[in-house]
Amino acid sequence: MQLGLIGLGKMGGNMRERIRRAGHTVVGYDRNPDLSDVSGLAELVESLQAPRTVWVMVPAGAATQSVVDELGGLLEAGDTVVDGGNSRWTDDEKHAEELAAKGIGFVDAGVSGGVWGLENGYALMVGGEKEHVDRLRPIFDALKPEGPYGYVHAGKVGAGHFSKMVHNGIEYAMMQAYAEGWELLEKVDSVTDVREVFRSWQEGTVIRSWLLDLAVNALDEDEHLDKLRGYAQDSGEGRWTVEAAIDNAVPLPAITASLFARFASRQEDSPQMKMIAALRNQFGGHAVESAK
C-alpha cells in the first residue's frame, strides 16, 4: 500500500521506517529537507496513486489546520486524510466536515508509543467511518504491536483522539503516583536504597507497569535525579481531559490533581504556598521563612 506521511519528527520518522519495514511504500515530507522524500505537499500528492492516503503528524492546532486546508485543495474525491497527531477531538469533527464537502475521507488516529514505537509498535485508537478505516487496515497492522492487541476502531470521527486524550490523562495520574511515592521514599531515613525498592516492584506486584520500568531506567541513569530540575510541561491533553470531565459531570480527582501538580512545578516560589504559610502563622503562630 502507498502512504503519504507529513511530519517526520521523533514519531513520524520512526513510523515511516516501521511501515516501510512491513513492505509498504511511504512518501514522506517534512519542513526539514534533510528528512524529506519530496519538496512539498503538491509533489507528495502527485507521487501517490489514487485513491490516496495522506497521514498527518504535525503539532495540534494551527499547524494541523494549515496542512488539512492545503491537502483539501490538492486531494480528490475518494482520497483520505489521517490525522495521527495529538489534535483535539472537536477539531476532528471540523476537519471531517470540511473534507467531506470535497468527497475526501477523514480518519483520526490517537497514536501511543513514543520513541519506543519503531521496535515495539504503536497502540492505535482510531475514529472514523468504517469504509475509510477498513481501507487503512494494512497500515494500522504495520504500525501496531505484534499480537491481538494494540489497535481499536474506537468509534466515529473524534473517537480516536478522545480515547488517546483519556489515555494521556490516566498516564498523568499514574506518573504522579509514582513520583509522589518516590519522593516519600527518598525523604525517610529508614529506606536506604530507593532505586532498588522501585526495581523490586517490577515483578509480582500490582503496580508493575511499563512506566515503572521507565522509572527504574531513569534511576539507573541518575539515582537521585539530581541532574533534573523539578519542572514538567503538559501537552494539552491533560487539560482537555479535565475539561471533558467537567462538560460530562464525570469526577476525575486523581487526573485533575496530577495536572495541577504540573502547574505547581513551574513555580520556583509558589504564591499559593506564601498565602498558606501566612495563614498558618496567623492562626497558629507557625514559623515562616523569609524570601531570599
Protein backbone atom coordinates (compact mmCIF):
# COMPACT_ATOMS: atom_id res chain seq x y z
CA MET A 1 0.00 0.00 0.00
CA GLN A 2 1.11 3.59 -0.64
CA LEU A 3 1.04 6.28 2.02
CA GLY A 4 1.98 9.93 2.17
CA LEU A 5 3.33 10.96 5.58
CA ILE A 6 3.65 14.60 6.64
CA GLY A 7 5.84 15.34 9.66
CA LEU A 8 8.97 13.24 10.15
CA GLY A 9 10.00 14.12 13.69
CA LYS A 10 10.63 11.63 16.51
CA MET A 11 7.29 9.90 15.99
CA GLY A 12 6.71 10.42 12.28
CA GLY A 13 10.20 9.42 11.21
CA ASN A 14 10.05 6.15 13.13
CA MET A 15 6.55 5.44 11.85
CA ARG A 16 7.78 5.85 8.27
CA GLU A 17 10.52 3.32 8.93
CA ARG A 18 8.22 0.80 10.60
CA ILE A 19 5.67 0.99 7.77
CA ARG A 20 8.42 0.54 5.19
CA ARG A 21 9.75 -2.48 7.04
CA ALA A 22 6.29 -4.02 6.60
CA GLY A 23 6.65 -3.72 2.83
CA HIS A 24 4.58 -0.60 2.15
CA THR A 25 5.62 2.48 0.18
CA VAL A 26 5.87 5.69 2.22
CA VAL A 27 6.48 9.10 0.69
CA GLY A 28 7.44 11.48 3.49
CA TYR A 29 7.51 15.26 3.73
CA ASP A 30 8.97 17.44 6.45
CA ARG A 31 9.93 21.11 6.59
CA ASN A 32 13.48 19.86 7.15
CA PRO A 33 14.65 18.97 3.62
CA ASP A 34 17.21 16.52 5.04
CA LEU A 35 14.33 14.32 6.20
CA SER A 36 12.00 14.69 3.22
CA ASP A 37 11.44 12.47 0.22
CA VAL A 38 9.73 15.31 -1.68
CA SER A 39 9.94 19.07 -1.81
CA GLY A 40 6.39 19.88 -0.78
CA LEU A 41 2.81 18.71 -0.35
CA ALA A 42 1.97 19.10 -4.03
CA GLU A 43 4.80 16.76 -5.04
CA LEU A 44 3.80 14.33 -2.29
CA VAL A 45 0.22 14.14 -3.58
CA GLU A 46 1.37 13.81 -7.20
CA SER A 47 3.62 10.87 -6.27
CA LEU A 48 0.72 8.79 -4.89
CA GLN A 49 -1.74 6.72 -6.89
CA ALA A 50 -5.46 7.29 -6.38
CA PRO A 51 -7.20 6.67 -4.09
CA ARG A 52 -4.56 8.41 -2.00
CA THR A 53 -4.00 8.28 1.75
CA VAL A 54 -2.06 11.05 3.49
CA TRP A 55 -1.18 10.73 7.17
CA VAL A 56 -0.52 13.99 9.07
CA MET A 57 1.88 14.02 12.06
CA VAL A 58 2.30 17.71 12.91
CA PRO A 59 1.54 19.72 16.08
CA ALA A 60 -2.11 20.15 17.03
CA GLY A 61 -3.96 23.36 16.34
CA ALA A 62 -2.89 25.88 13.71
CA ALA A 63 -0.20 23.66 12.16
CA THR A 64 -2.62 20.78 11.60
CA GLN A 65 -5.33 23.11 10.33
CA SER A 66 -2.92 24.61 7.79
CA VAL A 67 -1.92 21.19 6.46
CA VAL A 68 -5.53 19.98 6.27
CA ASP A 69 -6.50 23.14 4.40
CA GLU A 70 -3.71 22.66 1.88
CA LEU A 71 -4.48 18.98 1.41
CA GLY A 72 -8.13 19.86 0.85
CA GLY A 73 -7.04 21.80 -2.22
CA LEU A 74 -4.69 19.11 -3.54
CA LEU A 75 -6.53 15.84 -2.95
CA GLU A 76 -9.51 14.49 -4.87
CA ALA A 77 -12.78 12.77 -4.06
CA GLY A 78 -12.09 9.24 -2.81
CA ASP A 79 -8.82 10.18 -1.10
CA THR A 80 -8.39 10.02 2.69
CA VAL A 81 -6.61 12.16 5.27
CA VAL A 82 -5.47 10.65 8.58
CA ASP A 83 -4.62 12.94 11.50
CA GLY A 84 -2.26 10.97 13.72
CA GLY A 85 -1.11 13.92 15.83
CA ASN A 86 -2.46 14.95 19.22
CA SER A 87 -5.35 17.03 17.90
CA ARG A 88 -8.40 17.82 19.99
CA TRP A 89 -11.38 15.66 19.08
CA THR A 90 -13.52 18.71 18.34
CA ASP A 91 -11.04 19.71 15.63
CA ASP A 92 -11.51 16.26 14.06
CA GLU A 93 -15.22 16.89 13.62
CA LYS A 94 -14.47 20.21 11.93
CA HIS A 95 -11.83 18.72 9.61
CA ALA A 96 -14.04 15.77 8.66
CA GLU A 97 -16.87 18.11 7.70
CA GLU A 98 -14.59 20.37 5.64
CA LEU A 99 -13.07 17.46 3.74
CA ALA A 100 -16.34 15.57 3.30
CA ALA A 101 -17.67 18.54 1.34
CA LYS A 102 -15.00 17.69 -1.26
CA GLY A 103 -15.57 13.94 -1.14
CA ILE A 104 -12.40 13.36 0.89
CA GLY A 105 -12.49 10.92 3.82
CA PHE A 106 -11.09 11.70 7.25
CA VAL A 107 -9.79 9.40 10.00
CA ASP A 108 -8.38 10.44 13.37
CA ALA A 109 -5.79 8.19 14.96
CA GLY A 110 -4.58 8.50 18.52
CA VAL A 111 -1.05 7.08 18.49
CA SER A 112 0.87 5.97 21.60
CA GLY A 113 4.35 4.51 21.64
CA GLY A 114 6.78 7.40 21.70
CA VAL A 115 10.40 6.78 20.80
CA TRP A 116 9.97 3.04 21.51
CA GLY A 117 7.35 2.56 18.82
CA LEU A 118 9.73 1.72 15.99
CA GLU A 119 10.70 -1.57 17.61
CA ASN A 120 7.72 -2.24 19.91
CA GLY A 121 4.88 -0.95 17.74
CA TYR A 122 2.32 1.76 18.35
CA ALA A 123 -1.01 1.49 20.14
CA LEU A 124 -3.65 2.91 17.79
CA MET A 125 -7.05 4.33 18.72
CA VAL A 126 -8.92 5.16 15.52
CA GLY A 127 -12.05 7.14 14.78
CA GLY A 128 -13.94 7.48 11.50
CA GLU A 129 -16.38 5.87 9.12
CA LYS A 130 -15.93 2.13 8.67
CA GLU A 131 -15.25 2.34 4.92
CA HIS A 132 -12.32 4.71 5.46
CA VAL A 133 -10.92 2.84 8.46
CA ASP A 134 -11.12 -0.58 6.80
CA ARG A 135 -9.19 0.61 3.75
CA LEU A 136 -6.33 1.65 6.04
CA ARG A 137 -6.06 -1.61 7.98
CA PRO A 138 -2.80 -2.67 6.23
CA ILE A 139 -1.13 0.48 7.57
CA PHE A 140 -2.62 0.07 11.03
CA ASP A 141 -1.49 -3.55 11.08
CA ALA A 142 2.04 -2.47 10.13
CA LEU A 143 2.19 0.07 12.96
CA LYS A 144 0.55 -1.85 15.80
CA PRO A 145 2.44 -4.20 18.13
CA GLU A 146 2.55 -7.87 17.25
CA GLY A 147 -0.31 -9.93 18.64
CA PRO A 148 -4.06 -9.37 19.02
CA TYR A 149 -3.94 -6.09 20.93
CA GLY A 150 -2.85 -2.52 20.28
CA TYR A 151 -5.47 -1.45 17.72
CA VAL A 152 -9.10 -0.41 18.09
CA HIS A 153 -11.67 1.26 15.86
CA ALA A 154 -12.98 3.30 18.78
CA GLY A 155 -15.98 4.84 17.04
CA LYS A 156 -16.96 7.73 14.83
CA VAL A 157 -14.80 10.72 13.90
CA GLY A 158 -13.17 12.16 17.03
CA ALA A 159 -13.32 8.91 18.99
CA GLY A 160 -9.67 8.10 18.30
CA HIS A 161 -8.31 11.35 19.66
CA PHE A 162 -10.81 11.40 22.53
CA SER A 163 -9.63 7.91 23.56
CA LYS A 164 -5.98 8.97 23.30
CA MET A 165 -6.77 12.06 25.38
CA VAL A 166 -8.22 9.92 28.17
CA HIS A 167 -5.22 7.56 27.85
CA ASN A 168 -2.90 10.50 28.44
CA GLY A 169 -4.99 11.72 31.37
CA ILE A 170 -4.59 8.30 33.01
CA GLU A 171 -0.88 8.48 32.21
CA TYR A 172 -0.66 11.83 34.05
CA ALA A 173 -2.18 10.30 37.19
CA MET A 174 -0.01 7.16 37.08
CA MET A 175 3.18 9.19 36.70
CA GLN A 176 2.13 11.46 39.55
CA ALA A 177 1.55 8.47 41.85
CA TYR A 178 4.98 7.01 41.08
CA ALA A 179 6.57 10.46 41.61
CA GLU A 180 4.87 11.00 44.95
CA GLY A 181 5.86 7.54 46.17
CA TRP A 182 9.44 8.09 45.07
CA GLU A 183 9.67 11.43 46.89
CA LEU A 184 8.31 9.94 50.11
CA LEU A 185 10.76 7.04 49.96
CA GLU A 186 13.65 9.45 49.35
CA LYS A 187 12.56 11.57 52.32
CA VAL A 188 12.73 8.99 55.09
CA ASP A 189 15.98 7.86 56.71
CA SER A 190 14.98 4.24 57.09
CA VAL A 191 14.90 3.48 53.34
CA THR A 192 18.50 3.46 52.13
CA ASP A 193 18.11 2.25 48.53
CA VAL A 194 15.06 3.75 46.87
CA ARG A 195 16.13 2.72 43.39
CA GLU A 196 16.19 -0.96 44.37
CA VAL A 197 12.80 -0.63 46.04
CA PHE A 198 11.40 0.57 42.72
CA ARG A 199 13.20 -2.26 40.94
CA SER A 200 11.71 -4.81 43.35
CA TRP A 201 8.23 -3.71 42.27
CA GLN A 202 8.83 -4.71 38.65
CA GLU A 203 7.82 -8.31 39.22
CA GLY A 204 4.97 -9.81 41.24
CA THR A 205 3.28 -6.57 42.32
CA VAL A 206 0.01 -4.98 41.24
CA ILE A 207 1.72 -1.69 40.40
CA ARG A 208 4.18 -3.13 37.89
CA SER A 209 3.93 -1.40 34.51
CA TRP A 210 5.96 -0.07 31.61
CA LEU A 211 6.01 3.33 33.33
CA LEU A 212 7.57 1.67 36.37
CA ASP A 213 10.19 0.07 34.11
CA LEU A 214 10.95 3.52 32.66
CA ALA A 215 11.22 4.97 36.16
CA VAL A 216 13.83 2.34 37.03
CA ASN A 217 15.69 3.17 33.80
CA ALA A 218 15.75 6.84 34.83
CA LEU A 219 17.02 5.99 38.32
CA ASP A 220 19.74 3.80 36.82
CA GLU A 221 20.93 6.81 34.83
CA ASP A 222 20.64 9.30 37.72
CA GLU A 223 19.96 7.53 41.04
CA HIS A 224 18.55 10.53 42.92
CA LEU A 225 17.53 12.57 39.85
CA ASP A 226 19.99 15.26 40.91
CA LYS A 227 20.61 16.26 37.30
CA LEU A 228 16.98 17.22 36.69
CA ARG A 229 15.01 20.34 37.57
CA GLY A 230 11.59 19.68 39.05
CA TYR A 231 9.67 21.13 36.11
CA ALA A 232 7.14 19.27 33.95
CA GLN A 233 5.30 20.54 30.89
CA ASP A 234 1.82 19.43 29.90
CA SER A 235 0.93 18.58 26.32
CA GLY A 236 -2.61 19.96 26.46
CA GLU A 237 -4.36 16.62 26.56
CA GLY A 238 -4.44 16.61 30.36
CA ARG A 239 -6.30 19.93 30.27
CA TRP A 240 -8.70 18.66 27.62
CA THR A 241 -9.41 15.56 29.72
CA VAL A 242 -10.34 17.66 32.74
CA GLU A 243 -12.46 19.98 30.59
CA ALA A 244 -14.30 17.00 29.09
CA ALA A 245 -14.91 15.66 32.60
CA ILE A 246 -16.48 18.97 33.60
CA ASP A 247 -18.64 19.02 30.46
CA ASN A 248 -19.88 15.49 31.21
CA ALA A 249 -20.08 15.81 35.01
CA VAL A 250 -17.60 12.94 35.49
CA PRO A 251 -15.42 13.21 38.64
CA LEU A 252 -11.69 12.86 37.85
CA PRO A 253 -9.94 13.82 41.11
CA ALA A 254 -6.69 11.90 40.50
CA ILE A 255 -6.19 13.10 36.92
CA THR A 256 -7.13 16.68 37.83
CA ALA A 257 -4.72 16.73 40.77
CA SER A 258 -1.91 15.41 38.58
CA LEU A 259 -2.49 18.21 36.07
CA PHE A 260 -2.38 20.87 38.77
CA ALA A 261 0.78 19.30 40.18
CA ARG A 262 2.47 20.02 36.85
CA PHE A 263 1.38 23.64 37.08
CA ALA A 264 2.87 23.82 40.58
CA SER A 265 6.19 22.50 39.25
CA ARG A 266 6.63 25.70 37.25
CA GLN A 267 6.62 27.93 40.31
CA GLU A 268 10.01 28.28 41.94
CA ASP A 269 8.39 30.27 44.75
CA SER A 270 4.70 29.34 44.89
CA PRO A 271 2.38 32.30 45.58
CA GLN A 272 -0.19 29.86 46.95
CA MET A 273 2.30 28.47 49.43
CA LYS A 274 3.09 32.03 50.56
CA MET A 275 -0.56 32.53 51.49
CA ILE A 276 -0.77 29.14 53.19
CA ALA A 277 2.37 29.91 55.21
CA ALA A 278 0.99 33.34 56.16
CA LEU A 279 -2.35 31.88 57.28
CA ARG A 280 -0.67 29.13 59.32
CA ASN A 281 1.41 31.80 61.01
CA GLN A 282 -1.67 33.95 61.72
CA PHE A 283 -3.89 31.30 63.23
CA GLY A 284 -1.32 29.03 64.82
CA GLY A 285 1.86 31.02 65.19
CA HIS A 286 3.68 28.58 62.90
CA ALA A 287 7.13 29.70 61.78
CA VAL A 288 7.58 31.26 58.36
CA GLU A 289 10.69 31.55 56.20
CA SER A 290 11.79 34.85 54.73
CA ALA A 291 12.16 35.18 50.98
CA LYS A 292 15.80 35.03 49.88
